[in-house]
Amino acid sequence: MHDFVLAFLGGTLLGVSVVGYLYINGKIAGISGMIGQLVHPEGLFQKPAFWFLLGIIVIPFIYGLFVQPEIVLNASVWQLIVAGLLVGFGTRLGSGCTSGHGICGISRLSKRSMLATGVFMLTGAMTVFVVRHVVGAGA
């Protein structure tokens, strides 16, 4: 039950923040798009994307002060770098990421976002299957 409550609260906070960002700034809260806005650093502290992304980075550390999550990372630095580059390539190829398409797009009933999210999820499931059952890596 405890996990359900935390997931429910997290989802609620995420939904409220995404809707708030859309209504206050008139922009979709897609993380890859926000990072793209920060490429040009002039007026960095005036950009809402900066503060939104800062919150995404800082809040887990604050949460960690009160709750000690058990996180085990079984990947090398090189695997993480390659994974990050592939995700970056995928977000450019798909014109957005899971936050932009999956959270914001589906909630706006965007057919394009529904298709993109379906492709993301299917690709992720196939990757896990191949890594765990074909290659034999992972737990």
C-alpha atoms as a PDB file:
ATOM      1  CA  MET A   1       0.000   0.000   0.000  1.00  0.00           C
ATOM      2  CA  HIS A   2       2.884   2.334   0.851  1.00  0.00           C
ATOM      3  CA  ASP A   3       4.295   2.018  -2.691  1.00  0.00           C
ATOM      4  CA  PHE A   4       0.877   2.762  -4.181  1.00  0.00           C
ATOM      5  CA  VAL A   5       0.522   5.934  -2.113  1.00  0.00           C
ATOM      6  CA  LEU A   6       3.991   7.159  -3.118  1.00  0.00           C
ATOM      7  CA  ALA A   7       3.314   6.384  -6.793  1.00  0.00           C
ATOM      8  CA  PHE A   8      -0.064   8.116  -6.597  1.00  0.00           C
ATOM      9  CA  LEU A   9       1.431  11.213  -4.965  1.00  0.00           C
ATOM     10  CA  GLY A  10       4.297  11.290  -7.455  1.00  0.00           C
ATOM     11  CA  GLY A  11       1.934  10.974 -10.404  1.00  0.00           C
ATOM     12  CA  THR A  12      -0.342  13.660  -8.995  1.00  0.00           C
ATOM     13  CA  LEU A  13       2.570  16.060  -8.473  1.00  0.00           C
ATOM     14  CA  LEU A  14       3.844  15.339 -11.965  1.00  0.00           C
ATOM     15  CA  GLY A  15       0.418  15.970 -13.482  1.00  0.00           C
ATOM     16  CA  VAL A  16      -0.081  19.204 -11.562  1.00  0.00           C
ATOM     17  CA  SER A  17       3.387  20.477 -12.510  1.00  0.00           C
ATOM     18  CA  VAL A  18       2.930  19.637 -16.206  1.00  0.00           C
ATOM     19  CA  VAL A  19      -0.512  21.261 -16.371  1.00  0.00           C
ATOM     20  CA  GLY A  20       0.762  24.261 -14.424  1.00  0.00           C
ATOM     21  CA  TYR A  21       3.719  24.668 -16.762  1.00  0.00           C
ATOM     22  CA  LEU A  22       1.411  24.518 -19.789  1.00  0.00           C
ATOM     23  CA  TYR A  23      -1.080  27.055 -18.436  1.00  0.00           C
ATOM     24  CA  ILE A  24       1.486  29.466 -17.012  1.00  0.00           C
ATOM     25  CA  ASN A  25       4.019  29.360 -19.857  1.00  0.00           C
ATOM     26  CA  GLY A  26       1.955  28.107 -22.771  1.00  0.00           C
ATOM     27  CA  LYS A  27       4.546  25.419 -23.522  1.00  0.00           C
ATOM     28  CA  ILE A  28       4.612  21.643 -23.264  1.00  0.00           C
ATOM     29  CA  ALA A  29       6.717  20.292 -20.399  1.00  0.00           C
ATOM     30  CA  GLY A  30       8.798  17.989 -22.588  1.00  0.00           C
ATOM     31  CA  ILE A  31      12.172  17.516 -20.949  1.00  0.00           C
ATOM     32  CA  SER A  32      14.180  17.211 -24.182  1.00  0.00           C
ATOM     33  CA  GLY A  33      12.579  20.424 -25.461  1.00  0.00           C
ATOM     34  CA  MET A  34      13.362  22.204 -22.200  1.00  0.00           C
ATOM     35  CA  ILE A  35      16.986  21.109 -22.358  1.00  0.00           C
ATOM     36  CA  GLY A  36      17.067  22.428 -25.921  1.00  0.00           C
ATOM     37  CA  GLN A  37      15.896  25.822 -24.642  1.00  0.00           C
ATOM     38  CA  LEU A  38      18.923  25.976 -22.339  1.00  0.00           C
ATOM     39  CA  VAL A  39      21.435  25.572 -25.183  1.00  0.00           C
ATOM     40  CA  HIS A  40      21.485  29.362 -25.491  1.00  0.00           C
ATOM     41  CA  PRO A  41      22.522  30.492 -21.987  1.00  0.00           C
ATOM     42  CA  GLU A  42      21.609  34.189 -22.317  1.00  0.00           C
ATOM     43  CA  GLY A  43      18.884  35.024 -19.818  1.00  0.00           C
ATOM     44  CA  LEU A  44      19.198  31.554 -18.303  1.00  0.00           C
ATOM     45  CA  PHE A  45      17.693  32.479 -14.926  1.00  0.00           C
ATOM     46  CA  GLN A  46      14.665  34.100 -16.595  1.00  0.00           C
ATOM     47  CA  LYS A  47      13.755  30.926 -18.491  1.00  0.00           C
ATOM     48  CA  PRO A  48      10.983  28.862 -16.876  1.00  0.00           C
ATOM     49  CA  ALA A  49      12.579  25.717 -18.340  1.00  0.00           C
ATOM     50  CA  PHE A  50      15.685  26.304 -16.204  1.00  0.00           C
ATOM     51  CA  TRP A  51      13.682  26.371 -12.980  1.00  0.00           C
ATOM     52  CA  PHE A  52      11.538  23.390 -13.970  1.00  0.00           C
ATOM     53  CA  LEU A  53      14.639  21.307 -14.791  1.00  0.00           C
ATOM     54  CA  LEU A  54      16.397  22.487 -11.634  1.00  0.00           C
ATOM     55  CA  GLY A  55      13.427  21.221  -9.629  1.00  0.00           C
ATOM     56  CA  ILE A  56      13.598  17.842 -11.369  1.00  0.00           C
ATOM     57  CA  ILE A  57      17.269  17.564 -10.384  1.00  0.00           C
ATOM     58  CA  VAL A  58      17.110  18.968  -6.829  1.00  0.00           C
ATOM     59  CA  ILE A  59      13.882  17.404  -5.509  1.00  0.00           C
ATOM     60  CA  PRO A  60      15.157  13.785  -5.569  1.00  0.00           C
ATOM     61  CA  PHE A  61      18.101  14.841  -3.382  1.00  0.00           C
ATOM     62  CA  ILE A  62      15.726  16.492  -0.915  1.00  0.00           C
ATOM     63  CA  TYR A  63      13.533  13.376  -0.962  1.00  0.00           C
ATOM     64  CA  GLY A  64      16.633  11.279  -0.291  1.00  0.00           C
ATOM     65  CA  LEU A  65      17.236  13.214   2.938  1.00  0.00           C
ATOM     66  CA  PHE A  66      13.984  11.837   4.358  1.00  0.00           C
ATOM     67  CA  VAL A  67      13.633   8.481   2.609  1.00  0.00           C
ATOM     68  CA  GLN A  68      16.575   6.242   1.814  1.00  0.00           C
ATOM     69  CA  PRO A  69      15.620   4.597  -1.480  1.00  0.00           C
ATOM     70  CA  GLU A  70      17.357   1.370  -2.421  1.00  0.00           C
ATOM     71  CA  ILE A  71      18.814   2.078  -5.837  1.00  0.00           C
ATOM     72  CA  VAL A  72      21.168  -0.413  -7.434  1.00  0.00           C
ATOM     73  CA  LEU A  73      22.821   0.537 -10.690  1.00  0.00           C
ATOM     74  CA  ASN A  74      24.347  -2.399 -12.554  1.00  0.00           C
ATOM     75  CA  ALA A  75      25.795  -0.536 -15.523  1.00  0.00           C
ATOM     76  CA  SER A  76      29.237   0.739 -16.364  1.00  0.00           C
ATOM     77  CA  VAL A  77      29.933   4.380 -17.098  1.00  0.00           C
ATOM     78  CA  TRP A  78      30.317   3.521 -20.790  1.00  0.00           C
ATOM     79  CA  GLN A  79      26.943   1.775 -20.880  1.00  0.00           C
ATOM     80  CA  LEU A  80      25.348   4.848 -19.338  1.00  0.00           C
ATOM     81  CA  ILE A  81      27.032   7.155 -21.863  1.00  0.00           C
ATOM     82  CA  VAL A  82      25.917   5.013 -24.814  1.00  0.00           C
ATOM     83  CA  ALA A  83      22.394   4.766 -23.364  1.00  0.00           C
ATOM     84  CA  GLY A  84      22.238   8.546 -22.942  1.00  0.00           C
ATOM     85  CA  LEU A  85      23.387   9.145 -26.505  1.00  0.00           C
ATOM     86  CA  LEU A  86      20.822   6.673 -27.846  1.00  0.00           C
ATOM     87  CA  VAL A  87      18.058   8.342 -25.840  1.00  0.00           C
ATOM     88  CA  GLY A  88      19.150  11.745 -27.144  1.00  0.00           C
ATOM     89  CA  PHE A  89      19.133  10.445 -30.720  1.00  0.00           C
ATOM     90  CA  GLY A  90      15.717   8.878 -30.165  1.00  0.00           C
ATOM     91  CA  THR A  91      14.193  12.075 -28.808  1.00  0.00           C
ATOM     92  CA  ARG A  92      15.372  13.983 -31.876  1.00  0.00           C
ATOM     93  CA  LEU A  93      14.129  11.243 -34.191  1.00  0.00           C
ATOM     94  CA  GLY A  94      10.741  11.091 -32.440  1.00  0.00           C
ATOM     95  CA  SER A  95      10.403  14.880 -32.136  1.00  0.00           C
ATOM     96  CA  GLY A  96      10.134  14.625 -28.372  1.00  0.00           C
ATOM     97  CA  CYS A  97      10.509  12.349 -25.406  1.00  0.00           C
ATOM     98  CA  THR A  98       8.280  10.332 -23.120  1.00  0.00           C
ATOM     99  CA  SER A  99       7.454  13.362 -21.012  1.00  0.00           C
ATOM    100  CA  GLY A 100       6.397  15.483 -23.964  1.00  0.00           C
ATOM    101  CA  HIS A 101       4.556  12.747 -25.842  1.00  0.00           C
ATOM    102  CA  GLY A 102       3.606  10.350 -23.046  1.00  0.00           C
ATOM    103  CA  ILE A 103       2.437  12.773 -20.396  1.00  0.00           C
ATOM    104  CA  CYS A 104       1.551  15.968 -22.227  1.00  0.00           C
ATOM    105  CA  GLY A 105       0.618  14.632 -25.661  1.00  0.00           C
ATOM    106  CA  ILE A 106      -1.602  11.745 -24.598  1.00  0.00           C
ATOM    107  CA  SER A 107      -3.427  13.951 -22.093  1.00  0.00           C
ATOM    108  CA  ARG A 108      -4.213  16.315 -24.985  1.00  0.00           C
ATOM    109  CA  LEU A 109      -5.426  13.312 -27.055  1.00  0.00           C
ATOM    110  CA  SER A 110      -2.700  13.816 -29.667  1.00  0.00           C
ATOM    111  CA  LYS A 111      -2.704  10.869 -32.085  1.00  0.00           C
ATOM    112  CA  ARG A 112       0.937  11.547 -32.937  1.00  0.00           C
ATOM    113  CA  SER A 113       1.884  11.374 -29.259  1.00  0.00           C
ATOM    114  CA  MET A 114      -0.116   8.190 -28.744  1.00  0.00           C
ATOM    115  CA  LEU A 115       1.730   6.552 -31.631  1.00  0.00           C
ATOM    116  CA  ALA A 116       5.124   7.839 -30.449  1.00  0.00           C
ATOM    117  CA  THR A 117       4.502   6.627 -26.887  1.00  0.00           C
ATOM    118  CA  GLY A 118       3.430   3.226 -28.182  1.00  0.00           C
ATOM    119  CA  VAL A 119       6.666   2.989 -30.175  1.00  0.00           C
ATOM    120  CA  PHE A 120       8.720   4.063 -27.102  1.00  0.00           C
ATOM    121  CA  MET A 121       7.081   1.456 -24.891  1.00  0.00           C
ATOM    122  CA  LEU A 122       7.290  -1.351 -27.453  1.00  0.00           C
ATOM    123  CA  THR A 123      10.946  -0.586 -28.159  1.00  0.00           C
ATOM    124  CA  GLY A 124      11.715  -0.551 -24.440  1.00  0.00           C
ATOM    125  CA  ALA A 125       9.957  -3.889 -23.900  1.00  0.00           C
ATOM    126  CA  MET A 126      11.782  -5.464 -26.852  1.00  0.00           C
ATOM    127  CA  THR A 127      15.120  -4.120 -25.595  1.00  0.00           C
ATOM    128  CA  VAL A 128      14.572  -5.603 -22.133  1.00  0.00           C
ATOM    129  CA  PHE A 129      13.562  -8.936 -23.674  1.00  0.00           C
ATOM    130  CA  VAL A 130      16.636  -9.069 -25.910  1.00  0.00           C
ATOM    131  CA  VAL A 131      19.061  -8.001 -23.172  1.00  0.00           C
ATOM    132  CA  ARG A 132      17.685 -10.406 -20.573  1.00  0.00           C
ATOM    133  CA  HIS A 133      16.637 -13.416 -22.629  1.00  0.00           C
ATOM    134  CA  VAL A 134      18.681 -13.361 -25.838  1.00  0.00           C
ATOM    135  CA  VAL A 135      21.953 -11.828 -24.682  1.00  0.00           C
ATOM    136  CA  GLY A 136      21.543 -13.118 -21.126  1.00  0.00           C
ATOM    137  CA  ALA A 137      22.675  -9.943 -19.364  1.00  0.00           C
ATOM    138  CA  GLY A 138      20.950  -8.314 -16.421  1.00  0.00           C
ATOM    139  CA  ALA A 139      18.877  -9.849 -13.681  1.00  0.00           C
END
